[in-house]
Amino acid sequence: MEARKSVKKSWYVHLLLFTGTVLMIFPFIWMFLSAFKTDLDVFSYPPKWLPSTWTLENFPRVLEMVPFVRYYLNSIVVTSSITFGQVFLSILAAYALARLHFPGKTAVTILLLSTMIMPFQVTLVPMFMIVYKFGWIDTYQGLIVPFLFSGFSIFFLRQFFVTIPKDLEDAAKIDGCGYFGILFNVIMPNSKAPIGTISLFVFLTHWRSYLWPLVVTNSPEMRTLPVGLKYFVEEGGTQYNLMMAASLMAIIPVLIVYIVAERHLVKSTTLTGLKF
C-alpha cells in the first residue's frame, strides 16, 4: 500500500517537473527556430513551428546592421576580466578569513556579510561618482574594476575552505610551505568544485549585466552585448527573425561555459557547508 502511494506521488511530481521543464525550454526552442526563419515565416498566420526554408542569412544581416562583433569582443573582455580578477581576489580573501587568525576577523566577516544585504541599486550612484572622479567613464576600467570585489564570492569560498581538514595544512607546514604554498598546493587543489561554481556564477552574472554598462558607457564602441542588443531591437523594429538570430549568438558562450562547469556546480552544491 505504501509502495503504491509512493509511486503515485512520484508520478505527480515527475509530471509537474516535466511540465515546468517544457514551459522553461519552449522560449529557447522558439528562439532557435525563429533565428533560421525568413521574413515571411515570422509573420505567417497561423504561426509556423518549423521554418519552411532554413536560412542563415539572418546572421550576416545582424552583423551588417550593428557592430555586433565589437559588442561580442567587449563582453568577452569585460566578463573574462571580472571573472578571473574577482575569483582570484576572492580566493585570497576567503583563505584569510577561513584559515588565518588576526584581530578583527569577526568584524571583517560581519562587514562582508553586510555587503550582501545591500542591493546594487543603492550603491549604483556612489559607484558611478567614484568611476567619474577617476575618469573611467566609457572605459574598460569603469566596466571591470568596480566588480573585482564580491562579498558573495568571498563568503561562498570561505564556507568551503573551513571544511578542509586542518591536518592537510599542518602536513604542508611540516614540508616547509608558507601561507601561499598552503593556499596553492593544499587549499585550491581541494576546492576545484566551489572555485568552478563561483566562476560560473560570476561569468553568467556579468555576461548578462545590463544596468551598469548602460550607465557607464556612452559610445557604441564600448557597449557590451546586453546594451548592444537593446539598441539593436530599437533599430531592428519588427524584424523578429533578426532579433532571435542576435539573441542566439549572444547566448552561445553562456551555454558553452555552463556545459563545461555544470559538474562543478552540482558537486559544489552537495559539498559546500554553511558553518562558522
Protein backbone atom coordinates (compact mmCIF):
# COMPACT_ATOMS: atom_id res chain seq x y z
CA MET A 1 0.00 0.00 0.00
CA GLU A 2 2.76 2.40 0.96
CA ALA A 3 4.63 1.48 -2.21
CA ARG A 4 1.55 2.37 -4.34
CA LYS A 5 1.18 5.74 -2.66
CA SER A 6 4.87 6.41 -3.17
CA VAL A 7 4.64 5.50 -6.88
CA LYS A 8 1.52 7.66 -7.33
CA LYS A 9 3.13 10.61 -5.59
CA SER A 10 6.29 10.17 -7.65
CA TRP A 11 4.21 10.19 -10.84
CA TYR A 12 2.61 13.52 -9.93
CA VAL A 13 5.97 15.02 -9.07
CA HIS A 14 7.52 13.90 -12.35
CA LEU A 15 4.53 15.24 -14.30
CA LEU A 16 4.86 18.60 -12.57
CA LEU A 17 8.61 18.72 -13.24
CA PHE A 18 8.13 17.75 -16.88
CA THR A 19 5.50 20.47 -17.37
CA GLY A 20 7.79 23.06 -15.79
CA THR A 21 10.69 21.91 -17.98
CA VAL A 22 8.62 22.26 -21.15
CA LEU A 23 7.48 25.75 -20.15
CA MET A 24 11.08 26.77 -19.44
CA ILE A 25 12.57 25.31 -22.63
CA PHE A 26 9.82 26.39 -25.04
CA PRO A 27 11.00 30.05 -25.44
CA PHE A 28 14.55 28.88 -26.20
CA ILE A 29 13.33 26.38 -28.81
CA TRP A 30 11.17 29.06 -30.41
CA MET A 31 14.12 31.48 -30.42
CA PHE A 32 16.37 28.87 -32.06
CA LEU A 33 13.86 28.03 -34.78
CA SER A 34 12.94 31.67 -35.43
CA ALA A 35 16.60 32.55 -35.95
CA PHE A 36 16.53 30.43 -39.13
CA LYS A 37 13.18 31.66 -40.47
CA THR A 38 12.60 34.01 -43.37
CA ASP A 39 10.63 37.24 -43.00
CA LEU A 40 7.53 35.55 -44.43
CA ASP A 41 7.71 32.67 -41.97
CA VAL A 42 7.99 35.02 -38.99
CA PHE A 43 4.78 36.90 -39.88
CA SER A 44 2.81 33.96 -41.23
CA TYR A 45 -0.59 33.18 -39.67
CA PRO A 46 -1.17 30.75 -38.16
CA PRO A 47 2.39 30.74 -36.80
CA LYS A 48 4.71 28.10 -38.21
CA TRP A 49 6.59 25.94 -35.75
CA LEU A 50 9.31 24.93 -38.22
CA PRO A 51 10.79 27.20 -40.91
CA SER A 52 9.51 26.45 -44.40
CA THR A 53 13.01 27.30 -45.63
CA TRP A 54 16.01 27.15 -43.30
CA THR A 55 18.22 30.16 -43.91
CA LEU A 56 21.46 31.51 -42.45
CA GLU A 57 21.01 34.98 -43.95
CA ASN A 58 19.74 36.43 -40.67
CA PHE A 59 23.15 36.16 -39.02
CA PRO A 60 25.17 38.20 -41.55
CA ARG A 61 22.31 40.74 -41.64
CA VAL A 62 22.69 41.23 -37.89
CA LEU A 63 26.43 41.82 -38.29
CA GLU A 64 25.75 44.41 -41.00
CA MET A 65 23.16 46.38 -39.03
CA VAL A 66 25.18 46.88 -35.82
CA PRO A 67 28.84 46.37 -34.77
CA PHE A 68 27.90 43.04 -33.21
CA VAL A 69 31.47 41.70 -33.29
CA ARG A 70 32.59 44.71 -31.25
CA TYR A 71 29.83 44.09 -28.70
CA TYR A 72 30.92 40.47 -28.53
CA LEU A 73 34.56 41.41 -28.00
CA ASN A 74 33.66 43.91 -25.27
CA SER A 75 31.55 41.36 -23.42
CA ILE A 76 34.27 38.72 -23.63
CA VAL A 77 36.98 41.10 -22.39
CA VAL A 78 34.87 42.57 -19.59
CA THR A 79 33.32 39.30 -18.39
CA SER A 80 36.56 37.31 -18.55
CA SER A 81 38.50 40.02 -16.71
CA ILE A 82 35.87 40.32 -13.98
CA THR A 83 35.63 36.55 -13.60
CA PHE A 84 39.38 36.00 -13.33
CA GLY A 85 40.03 39.03 -11.11
CA GLN A 86 37.08 38.52 -8.80
CA VAL A 87 37.67 34.80 -8.31
CA PHE A 88 41.40 35.30 -7.67
CA LEU A 89 40.87 38.06 -5.11
CA SER A 90 38.01 36.11 -3.52
CA ILE A 91 40.26 33.08 -3.09
CA LEU A 92 42.86 35.19 -1.28
CA ALA A 93 40.27 36.86 0.96
CA ALA A 94 38.40 33.63 1.67
CA TYR A 95 41.64 31.87 2.64
CA ALA A 96 42.49 34.63 5.09
CA LEU A 97 39.04 34.54 6.70
CA ALA A 98 38.86 30.74 6.82
CA ARG A 99 42.36 29.66 7.88
CA LEU A 100 44.23 32.63 9.38
CA HIS A 101 43.85 34.28 12.78
CA PHE A 102 44.10 38.05 13.08
CA PRO A 103 42.50 40.83 15.15
CA GLY A 104 39.11 41.97 13.88
CA LYS A 105 38.44 38.83 11.88
CA THR A 106 34.85 38.53 13.14
CA ALA A 107 34.16 42.20 12.41
CA VAL A 108 35.50 41.82 8.88
CA THR A 109 33.28 38.78 8.32
CA ILE A 110 30.20 40.66 9.56
CA LEU A 111 31.07 43.63 7.35
CA LEU A 112 31.48 41.25 4.44
CA LEU A 113 28.03 39.77 5.05
CA SER A 114 26.50 43.24 5.27
CA THR A 115 27.60 43.98 1.70
CA MET A 116 25.46 41.06 0.53
CA ILE A 117 22.33 42.57 2.09
CA MET A 118 22.64 45.89 0.25
CA PRO A 119 21.01 45.88 -3.22
CA PHE A 120 23.03 47.03 -6.20
CA GLN A 121 20.68 49.96 -6.86
CA VAL A 122 21.73 51.50 -3.53
CA THR A 123 25.42 51.56 -4.47
CA LEU A 124 24.89 52.46 -8.13
CA VAL A 125 25.15 56.24 -7.72
CA PRO A 126 28.18 56.21 -5.36
CA MET A 127 29.94 53.77 -7.68
CA PHE A 128 29.21 56.00 -10.67
CA MET A 129 30.55 59.07 -8.85
CA ILE A 130 33.77 57.24 -7.95
CA VAL A 131 34.24 56.00 -11.50
CA TYR A 132 33.54 59.51 -12.80
CA LYS A 133 36.15 61.03 -10.44
CA PHE A 134 38.75 58.56 -11.72
CA GLY A 135 37.91 59.42 -15.33
CA TRP A 136 36.84 55.88 -16.13
CA ILE A 137 33.56 56.67 -17.85
CA ASP A 138 33.33 54.85 -21.18
CA THR A 139 36.44 52.74 -20.49
CA TYR A 140 37.20 49.11 -19.73
CA GLN A 141 38.40 50.13 -16.25
CA GLY A 142 34.98 51.54 -15.44
CA LEU A 143 33.30 48.33 -16.57
CA ILE A 144 35.69 45.95 -14.79
CA VAL A 145 37.27 47.41 -11.64
CA PRO A 146 34.07 48.03 -9.58
CA PHE A 147 33.25 44.31 -9.71
CA LEU A 148 36.61 42.81 -8.78
CA PHE A 149 35.35 42.56 -5.19
CA SER A 150 32.31 40.46 -4.26
CA GLY A 151 31.14 39.66 -0.76
CA PHE A 152 29.14 36.71 -2.03
CA SER A 153 32.11 35.12 -3.81
CA ILE A 154 34.35 35.53 -0.75
CA PHE A 155 31.75 34.12 1.63
CA PHE A 156 30.92 31.22 -0.71
CA LEU A 157 34.55 30.13 -0.95
CA ARG A 158 35.21 30.77 2.72
CA GLN A 159 32.43 28.35 3.67
CA PHE A 160 34.15 25.57 1.75
CA PHE A 161 37.68 26.39 2.86
CA VAL A 162 36.74 25.91 6.53
CA THR A 163 35.69 22.31 5.79
CA ILE A 164 39.14 21.27 4.52
CA PRO A 165 40.90 19.15 7.21
CA LYS A 166 43.45 21.04 9.29
CA ASP A 167 45.76 18.00 9.10
CA LEU A 168 46.48 18.73 5.43
CA GLU A 169 47.57 22.25 6.32
CA ASP A 170 49.76 21.00 9.18
CA ALA A 171 51.44 18.47 6.88
CA ALA A 172 52.18 21.22 4.37
CA LYS A 173 53.72 23.36 7.12
CA ILE A 174 55.98 20.46 8.11
CA ASP A 175 57.12 20.22 4.47
CA GLY A 176 58.10 23.88 4.59
CA CYS A 177 55.11 25.55 2.92
CA GLY A 178 54.22 29.10 3.85
CA TYR A 179 50.78 30.69 3.60
CA PHE A 180 50.83 30.95 -0.17
CA GLY A 181 52.29 27.47 -0.51
CA ILE A 182 49.42 26.07 1.55
CA LEU A 183 46.90 28.04 -0.48
CA PHE A 184 48.17 26.97 -3.90
CA ASN A 185 49.21 23.40 -3.03
CA VAL A 186 46.57 22.34 -0.50
CA ILE A 187 43.51 24.60 -0.42
CA MET A 188 42.99 25.26 -4.12
CA PRO A 189 43.56 21.67 -5.38
CA ASN A 190 40.93 20.51 -2.89
CA SER A 191 38.49 23.27 -3.84
CA LYS A 192 38.11 22.82 -7.58
CA ALA A 193 34.33 22.33 -7.33
CA PRO A 194 33.49 25.56 -5.43
CA ILE A 195 36.00 27.58 -7.46
CA GLY A 196 34.46 26.29 -10.69
CA THR A 197 30.98 27.02 -9.36
CA ILE A 198 31.68 30.59 -8.32
CA SER A 199 33.48 31.19 -11.62
CA LEU A 200 30.31 30.06 -13.41
CA PHE A 201 28.13 32.33 -11.26
CA VAL A 202 30.36 35.34 -11.86
CA PHE A 203 30.58 34.73 -15.60
CA LEU A 204 26.82 34.31 -16.05
CA THR A 205 26.04 37.33 -13.88
CA HIS A 206 28.28 39.75 -15.72
CA TRP A 207 27.73 38.37 -19.22
CA ARG A 208 24.08 39.40 -18.96
CA SER A 209 24.71 42.58 -16.93
CA TYR A 210 22.77 45.47 -18.43
CA LEU A 211 22.29 48.34 -15.96
CA TRP A 212 25.92 49.18 -15.14
CA PRO A 213 27.25 49.02 -18.74
CA LEU A 214 24.29 51.17 -19.80
CA VAL A 215 25.13 53.80 -17.16
CA VAL A 216 28.91 53.88 -17.55
CA THR A 217 29.26 53.73 -21.35
CA ASN A 218 28.45 56.41 -23.90
CA SER A 219 29.98 55.35 -27.22
CA PRO A 220 28.88 52.38 -29.36
CA GLU A 221 32.49 51.10 -29.31
CA MET A 222 32.25 50.35 -25.56
CA ARG A 223 28.81 48.74 -25.46
CA THR A 224 28.51 45.16 -24.23
CA LEU A 225 26.12 42.61 -25.70
CA PRO A 226 23.07 43.27 -23.46
CA VAL A 227 23.25 47.01 -24.17
CA GLY A 228 24.01 46.41 -27.84
CA LEU A 229 21.03 44.06 -28.15
CA LYS A 230 18.76 46.74 -26.70
CA TYR A 231 19.89 49.25 -29.33
CA PHE A 232 19.60 46.57 -32.00
CA VAL A 233 15.97 45.93 -31.02
CA GLU A 234 15.27 49.65 -31.43
CA GLU A 235 16.92 49.69 -34.86
CA GLY A 236 15.57 46.30 -35.99
CA GLY A 237 11.95 47.23 -35.31
CA THR A 238 9.68 44.26 -36.03
CA GLN A 239 12.30 42.03 -37.67
CA TYR A 240 11.87 39.29 -35.10
CA ASN A 241 13.93 36.74 -37.00
CA LEU A 242 16.94 39.09 -36.78
CA MET A 243 16.33 39.65 -33.07
CA MET A 244 16.24 35.90 -32.49
CA ALA A 245 19.43 35.41 -34.51
CA ALA A 246 21.20 38.08 -32.44
CA SER A 247 19.94 36.56 -29.19
CA LEU A 248 21.07 33.10 -30.26
CA MET A 249 24.58 34.35 -30.97
CA ALA A 250 24.61 36.11 -27.59
CA ILE A 251 23.80 33.02 -25.52
CA ILE A 252 26.22 30.60 -27.21
CA PRO A 253 29.17 31.43 -24.86
CA VAL A 254 26.87 31.07 -21.86
CA LEU A 255 25.80 27.60 -22.96
CA ILE A 256 29.40 26.54 -23.57
CA VAL A 257 30.58 27.80 -20.17
CA TYR A 258 27.64 26.18 -18.40
CA ILE A 259 28.17 22.81 -20.07
CA VAL A 260 31.86 22.88 -19.12
CA ALA A 261 31.30 23.95 -15.49
CA GLU A 262 27.99 22.17 -14.76
CA ARG A 263 29.60 19.21 -13.00
CA HIS A 264 31.41 21.57 -10.64
CA LEU A 265 28.12 23.29 -9.86
CA VAL A 266 26.40 20.05 -8.89
CA LYS A 267 29.35 18.79 -6.86
CA SER A 268 29.80 22.07 -5.02
CA THR A 269 26.11 22.24 -4.14
CA THR A 270 26.37 18.92 -2.34
CA LEU A 271 29.72 19.57 -0.62
CA THR A 272 29.71 23.22 0.48
CA GLY A 273 28.74 23.63 4.13
CA LEU A 274 27.41 26.70 5.87
CA LYS A 275 29.15 26.97 9.21
CA PHE A 276 31.37 29.44 11.04
